[in-house]
Amino acid sequence: MLIETKEHPGCLKDKVTSPGGTAIAGIHTLEKGGLRTTLIDAVESATNRSRQLGEKVIQDFAENNG
């Protein structure tokens, strides 16, 4: 949806949740508990590890085929 509409995530959230509804209550609890920061940290960790593994593959390939 984000890619298709190019809208800000907050705008989309407002469009798909009802004020005072169950979904927004859950979202507020997740945000209060730091979910957004945790998700960003998780993506950064996975990205860094992916880079490390990619570098290792390149190094191993060079050592075995160089």
PDB file of N, CA and C in Angstrom:
ATOM      1  N   MET A   1       0.807  -1.191   0.000  1.00  0.00           N
ATOM      2  CA  MET A   1       0.000   0.000   0.000  1.00  0.00           C
ATOM      3  C   MET A   1       0.855   1.261   0.000  1.00  0.00           C
ATOM      4  N   LEU A   2       1.901   1.250   0.793  1.00  0.00           N
ATOM      5  CA  LEU A   2       2.765   2.427   0.860  1.00  0.00           C
ATOM      6  C   LEU A   2       3.372   2.742  -0.499  1.00  0.00           C
ATOM      7  N   ILE A   3       3.839   1.710  -1.170  1.00  0.00           N
ATOM      8  CA  ILE A   3       4.472   1.908  -2.472  1.00  0.00           C
ATOM      9  C   ILE A   3       3.447   2.369  -3.496  1.00  0.00           C
ATOM     10  N   GLU A   4       2.282   1.745  -3.478  1.00  0.00           N
ATOM     11  CA  GLU A   4       1.251   2.082  -4.458  1.00  0.00           C
ATOM     12  C   GLU A   4       0.730   3.499  -4.282  1.00  0.00           C
ATOM     13  N   THR A   5       0.467   3.900  -3.049  1.00  0.00           N
ATOM     14  CA  THR A   5      -0.162   5.204  -2.816  1.00  0.00           C
ATOM     15  C   THR A   5       0.843   6.330  -2.634  1.00  0.00           C
ATOM     16  N   LYS A   6       2.070   5.979  -2.235  1.00  0.00           N
ATOM     17  CA  LYS A   6       3.110   6.963  -1.925  1.00  0.00           C
ATOM     18  C   LYS A   6       2.678   7.925  -0.809  1.00  0.00           C
ATOM     19  N   GLU A   7       1.730   7.489   0.001  1.00  0.00           N
ATOM     20  CA  GLU A   7       1.274   8.301   1.125  1.00  0.00           C
ATOM     21  C   GLU A   7       2.134   8.030   2.352  1.00  0.00           C
ATOM     22  N   HIS A   8       2.148   8.984   3.261  1.00  0.00           N
ATOM     23  CA  HIS A   8       2.852   8.818   4.527  1.00  0.00           C
ATOM     24  C   HIS A   8       2.178   7.688   5.314  1.00  0.00           C
ATOM     25  N   PRO A   9       2.958   6.835   5.982  1.00  0.00           N
ATOM     26  CA  PRO A   9       2.367   5.733   6.751  1.00  0.00           C
ATOM     27  C   PRO A   9       1.306   6.188   7.751  1.00  0.00           C
ATOM     28  N   GLY A  10       1.514   7.343   8.373  1.00  0.00           N
ATOM     29  CA  GLY A  10       0.534   7.845   9.335  1.00  0.00           C
ATOM     30  C   GLY A  10      -0.807   8.139   8.685  1.00  0.00           C
ATOM     31  N   CYS A  11      -0.774   8.661   7.460  1.00  0.00           N
ATOM     32  CA  CYS A  11      -2.028   8.938   6.737  1.00  0.00           C
ATOM     33  C   CYS A  11      -2.760   7.639   6.430  1.00  0.00           C
ATOM     34  N   LEU A  12      -2.023   6.624   5.998  1.00  0.00           N
ATOM     35  CA  LEU A  12      -2.657   5.332   5.714  1.00  0.00           C
ATOM     36  C   LEU A  12      -3.231   4.720   6.980  1.00  0.00           C
ATOM     37  N   LYS A  13      -2.492   4.835   8.074  1.00  0.00           N
ATOM     38  CA  LYS A  13      -2.989   4.314   9.352  1.00  0.00           C
ATOM     39  C   LYS A  13      -4.315   4.969   9.699  1.00  0.00           C
ATOM     40  N   ASP A  14      -4.385   6.269   9.521  1.00  0.00           N
ATOM     41  CA  ASP A  14      -5.620   6.989   9.829  1.00  0.00           C
ATOM     42  C   ASP A  14      -6.775   6.550   8.933  1.00  0.00           C
ATOM     43  N   LYS A  15      -6.464   6.167   7.700  1.00  0.00           N
ATOM     44  CA  LYS A  15      -7.513   5.750   6.764  1.00  0.00           C
ATOM     45  C   LYS A  15      -8.066   4.362   7.078  1.00  0.00           C
ATOM     46  N   VAL A  16      -7.235   3.510   7.673  1.00  0.00           N
ATOM     47  CA  VAL A  16      -7.673   2.122   7.885  1.00  0.00           C
ATOM     48  C   VAL A  16      -8.061   1.811   9.328  1.00  0.00           C
ATOM     49  N   THR A  17      -7.982   2.800  10.199  1.00  0.00           N
ATOM     50  CA  THR A  17      -8.401   2.583  11.586  1.00  0.00           C
ATOM     51  C   THR A  17      -9.545   3.521  11.932  1.00  0.00           C
ATOM     52  N   SER A  18     -10.372   3.071  12.841  1.00  0.00           N
ATOM     53  CA  SER A  18     -11.478   3.902  13.329  1.00  0.00           C
ATOM     54  C   SER A  18     -11.038   4.608  14.603  1.00  0.00           C
ATOM     55  N   PRO A  19     -11.329   5.902  14.709  1.00  0.00           N
ATOM     56  CA  PRO A  19     -11.000   6.599  15.960  1.00  0.00           C
ATOM     57  C   PRO A  19     -11.682   5.907  17.144  1.00  0.00           C
ATOM     58  N   GLY A  20     -10.905   5.579  18.136  1.00  0.00           N
ATOM     59  CA  GLY A  20     -11.456   4.905  19.311  1.00  0.00           C
ATOM     60  C   GLY A  20     -11.742   3.428  19.104  1.00  0.00           C
ATOM     61  N   GLY A  21     -11.297   2.884  17.955  1.00  0.00           N
ATOM     62  CA  GLY A  21     -11.552   1.475  17.655  1.00  0.00           C
ATOM     63  C   GLY A  21     -10.507   0.544  18.238  1.00  0.00           C
ATOM     64  N   THR A  22     -10.702  -0.737  17.976  1.00  0.00           N
ATOM     65  CA  THR A  22      -9.815  -1.754  18.543  1.00  0.00           C
ATOM     66  C   THR A  22      -8.418  -1.718  17.936  1.00  0.00           C
ATOM     67  N   ALA A  23      -8.336  -1.533  16.623  1.00  0.00           N
ATOM     68  CA  ALA A  23      -7.020  -1.541  15.969  1.00  0.00           C
ATOM     69  C   ALA A  23      -6.152  -0.389  16.461  1.00  0.00           C
ATOM     70  N   ILE A  24      -6.731   0.800  16.534  1.00  0.00           N
ATOM     71  CA  ILE A  24      -5.934   1.951  16.964  1.00  0.00           C
ATOM     72  C   ILE A  24      -5.531   1.819  18.429  1.00  0.00           C
ATOM     73  N   ALA A  25      -6.375   1.188  19.238  1.00  0.00           N
ATOM     74  CA  ALA A  25      -6.008   0.948  20.638  1.00  0.00           C
ATOM     75  C   ALA A  25      -4.785   0.037  20.708  1.00  0.00           C
ATOM     76  N   GLY A  26      -4.777  -0.996  19.884  1.00  0.00           N
ATOM     77  CA  GLY A  26      -3.627  -1.897  19.840  1.00  0.00           C
ATOM     78  C   GLY A  26      -2.383  -1.207  19.324  1.00  0.00           C
ATOM     79  N   ILE A  27      -2.542  -0.391  18.286  1.00  0.00           N
ATOM     80  CA  ILE A  27      -1.406   0.340  17.725  1.00  0.00           C
ATOM     81  C   ILE A  27      -0.814   1.289  18.759  1.00  0.00           C
ATOM     82  N   HIS A  28      -1.661   1.986  19.487  1.00  0.00           N
ATOM     83  CA  HIS A  28      -1.150   2.897  20.521  1.00  0.00           C
ATOM     84  C   HIS A  28      -0.346   2.142  21.579  1.00  0.00           C
ATOM     85  N   THR A  29      -0.826   0.966  21.960  1.00  0.00           N
ATOM     86  CA  THR A  29      -0.098   0.164  22.945  1.00  0.00           C
ATOM     87  C   THR A  29       1.255  -0.278  22.392  1.00  0.00           C
ATOM     88  N   LEU A  30       1.280  -0.712  21.137  1.00  0.00           N
ATOM     89  CA  LEU A  30       2.543  -1.120  20.516  1.00  0.00           C
ATOM     90  C   LEU A  30       3.521   0.049  20.448  1.00  0.00           C
ATOM     91  N   GLU A  31       3.030   1.216  20.063  1.00  0.00           N
ATOM     92  CA  GLU A  31       3.906   2.380  19.973  1.00  0.00           C
ATOM     93  C   GLU A  31       4.397   2.827  21.345  1.00  0.00           C
ATOM     94  N   LYS A  32       3.528   2.758  22.336  1.00  0.00           N
ATOM     95  CA  LYS A  32       3.924   3.131  23.699  1.00  0.00           C
ATOM     96  C   LYS A  32       5.016   2.189  24.209  1.00  0.00           C
ATOM     97  N   GLY A  33       4.965   0.929  23.798  1.00  0.00           N
ATOM     98  CA  GLY A  33       5.953  -0.053  24.225  1.00  0.00           C
ATOM     99  C   GLY A  33       7.243  -0.013  23.427  1.00  0.00           C
ATOM    100  N   GLY A  34       7.331   0.884  22.454  1.00  0.00           N
ATOM    101  CA  GLY A  34       8.573   1.038  21.701  1.00  0.00           C
ATOM    102  C   GLY A  34       8.697   0.138  20.490  1.00  0.00           C
ATOM    103  N   LEU A  35       7.589  -0.339  19.960  1.00  0.00           N
ATOM    104  CA  LEU A  35       7.655  -1.250  18.814  1.00  0.00           C
ATOM    105  C   LEU A  35       8.357  -0.617  17.619  1.00  0.00           C
ATOM    106  N   ARG A  36       8.060   0.630  17.340  1.00  0.00           N
ATOM    107  CA  ARG A  36       8.650   1.294  16.169  1.00  0.00           C
ATOM    108  C   ARG A  36      10.174   1.271  16.252  1.00  0.00           C
ATOM    109  N   THR A  37      10.722   1.648  17.397  1.00  0.00           N
ATOM    110  CA  THR A  37      12.174   1.655  17.581  1.00  0.00           C
ATOM    111  C   THR A  37      12.742   0.251  17.474  1.00  0.00           C
ATOM    112  N   THR A  38      12.050  -0.713  18.062  1.00  0.00           N
ATOM    113  CA  THR A  38      12.506  -2.097  18.012  1.00  0.00           C
ATOM    114  C   THR A  38      12.522  -2.616  16.582  1.00  0.00           C
ATOM    115  N   LEU A  39      11.499  -2.303  15.798  1.00  0.00           N
ATOM    116  CA  LEU A  39      11.457  -2.740  14.401  1.00  0.00           C
ATOM    117  C   LEU A  39      12.580  -2.107  13.590  1.00  0.00           C
ATOM    118  N   ILE A  40      12.818  -0.831  13.788  1.00  0.00           N
ATOM    119  CA  ILE A  40      13.907  -0.159  13.077  1.00  0.00           C
ATOM    120  C   ILE A  40      15.243  -0.787  13.450  1.00  0.00           C
ATOM    121  N   ASP A  41      15.462  -1.045  14.729  1.00  0.00           N
ATOM    122  CA  ASP A  41      16.703  -1.688  15.179  1.00  0.00           C
ATOM    123  C   ASP A  41      16.857  -3.075  14.568  1.00  0.00           C
ATOM    124  N   ALA A  42      15.757  -3.824  14.483  1.00  0.00           N
ATOM    125  CA  ALA A  42      15.802  -5.174  13.916  1.00  0.00           C
ATOM    126  C   ALA A  42      16.176  -5.129  12.436  1.00  0.00           C
ATOM    127  N   VAL A  43      15.604  -4.204  11.689  1.00  0.00           N
ATOM    128  CA  VAL A  43      15.924  -4.081  10.264  1.00  0.00           C
ATOM    129  C   VAL A  43      17.381  -3.672  10.082  1.00  0.00           C
ATOM    130  N   GLU A  44      17.862  -2.750  10.904  1.00  0.00           N
ATOM    131  CA  GLU A  44      19.267  -2.343  10.821  1.00  0.00           C
ATOM    132  C   GLU A  44      20.199  -3.503  11.147  1.00  0.00           C
ATOM    133  N   SER A  45      19.867  -4.290  12.158  1.00  0.00           N
ATOM    134  CA  SER A  45      20.693  -5.450  12.527  1.00  0.00           C
ATOM    135  C   SER A  45      20.729  -6.470  11.399  1.00  0.00           C
ATOM    136  N   ALA A  46      19.579  -6.746  10.814  1.00  0.00           N
ATOM    137  CA  ALA A  46      19.513  -7.713   9.716  1.00  0.00           C
ATOM    138  C   ALA A  46      20.292  -7.207   8.503  1.00  0.00           C
ATOM    139  N   THR A  47      20.195  -5.918   8.221  1.00  0.00           N
ATOM    140  CA  THR A  47      20.928  -5.332   7.096  1.00  0.00           C
ATOM    141  C   THR A  47      22.428  -5.440   7.318  1.00  0.00           C
ATOM    142  N   ASN A  48      22.880  -5.101   8.514  1.00  0.00           N
ATOM    143  CA  ASN A  48      24.310  -5.193   8.822  1.00  0.00           C
ATOM    144  C   ASN A  48      24.811  -6.622   8.713  1.00  0.00           C
ATOM    145  N   ARG A  49      24.037  -7.567   9.222  1.00  0.00           N
ATOM    146  CA  ARG A  49      24.454  -8.974   9.160  1.00  0.00           C
ATOM    147  C   ARG A  49      24.484  -9.456   7.716  1.00  0.00           C
ATOM    148  N   SER A  50      23.542  -9.011   6.919  1.00  0.00           N
ATOM    149  CA  SER A  50      23.519  -9.379   5.508  1.00  0.00           C
ATOM    150  C   SER A  50      24.778  -8.883   4.800  1.00  0.00           C
ATOM    151  N   ARG A  51      25.181  -7.666   5.110  1.00  0.00           N
ATOM    152  CA  ARG A  51      26.418  -7.124   4.529  1.00  0.00           C
ATOM    153  C   ARG A  51      27.626  -7.962   4.945  1.00  0.00           C
ATOM    154  N   GLN A  52      27.690  -8.316   6.235  1.00  0.00           N
ATOM    155  CA  GLN A  52      28.802  -9.124   6.731  1.00  0.00           C
ATOM    156  C   GLN A  52      28.862 -10.464   6.006  1.00  0.00           C
ATOM    157  N   LEU A  53      27.713 -11.111   5.872  1.00  0.00           N
ATOM    158  CA  LEU A  53      27.681 -12.410   5.206  1.00  0.00           C
ATOM    159  C   LEU A  53      28.057 -12.284   3.736  1.00  0.00           C
ATOM    160  N   GLY A  54      27.600 -11.219   3.088  1.00  0.00           N
ATOM    161  CA  GLY A  54      27.958 -10.987   1.692  1.00  0.00           C
ATOM    162  C   GLY A  54      29.451 -10.800   1.520  1.00  0.00           C
ATOM    163  N   GLU A  55      30.067 -10.040   2.421  1.00  0.00           N
ATOM    164  CA  GLU A  55      31.513  -9.836   2.367  1.00  0.00           C
ATOM    165  C   GLU A  55      32.258 -11.146   2.571  1.00  0.00           C
ATOM    166  N   LYS A  56      31.741 -11.996   3.458  1.00  0.00           N
ATOM    167  CA  LYS A  56      32.378 -13.291   3.702  1.00  0.00           C
ATOM    168  C   LYS A  56      32.288 -14.182   2.469  1.00  0.00           C
ATOM    169  N   VAL A  57      31.151 -14.180   1.804  1.00  0.00           N
ATOM    170  CA  VAL A  57      30.993 -14.978   0.584  1.00  0.00           C
ATOM    171  C   VAL A  57      32.000 -14.521  -0.465  1.00  0.00           C
ATOM    172  N   ILE A  58      32.136 -13.212  -0.626  1.00  0.00           N
ATOM    173  CA  ILE A  58      33.089 -12.680  -1.602  1.00  0.00           C
ATOM    174  C   ILE A  58      34.512 -13.072  -1.227  1.00  0.00           C
ATOM    175  N   GLN A  59      34.845 -12.958   0.047  1.00  0.00           N
ATOM    176  CA  GLN A  59      36.184 -13.318   0.512  1.00  0.00           C
ATOM    177  C   GLN A  59      36.446 -14.809   0.304  1.00  0.00           C
ATOM    178  N   ASP A  60      35.504 -15.656   0.687  1.00  0.00           N
ATOM    179  CA  ASP A  60      35.668 -17.103   0.516  1.00  0.00           C
ATOM    180  C   ASP A  60      35.812 -17.467  -0.956  1.00  0.00           C
ATOM    181  N   PHE A  61      35.030 -16.826  -1.803  1.00  0.00           N
ATOM    182  CA  PHE A  61      35.108 -17.101  -3.237  1.00  0.00           C
ATOM    183  C   PHE A  61      36.480 -16.715  -3.777  1.00  0.00           C
ATOM    184  N   ALA A  62      36.967 -15.543  -3.368  1.00  0.00           N
ATOM    185  CA  ALA A  62      38.274 -15.074  -3.831  1.00  0.00           C
ATOM    186  C   ALA A  62      39.386 -16.006  -3.368  1.00  0.00           C
ATOM    187  N   GLU A  63      39.296 -16.501  -2.136  1.00  0.00           N
ATOM    188  CA  GLU A  63      40.320 -17.401  -1.608  1.00  0.00           C
ATOM    189  C   GLU A  63      40.311 -18.744  -2.328  1.00  0.00           C
ATOM    190  N   ASN A  64      39.147 -19.216  -2.724  1.00  0.00           N
ATOM    191  CA  ASN A  64      39.033 -20.532  -3.344  1.00  0.00           C
ATOM    192  C   ASN A  64      39.141 -20.502  -4.863  1.00  0.00           C
ATOM    193  N   ASN A  65      39.071 -19.329  -5.457  1.00  0.00           N
ATOM    194  CA  ASN A  65      39.088 -19.245  -6.918  1.00  0.00           C
ATOM    195  C   ASN A  65      40.106 -18.235  -7.432  1.00  0.00           C
ATOM    196  N   GLY A  66      40.964 -17.770  -6.559  1.00  0.00           N
ATOM    197  CA  GLY A  66      41.901 -16.718  -6.957  1.00  0.00           C
ATOM    198  C   GLY A  66      43.218 -17.233  -7.230  1.00  0.00           C
TER     199      GLY A  66
END
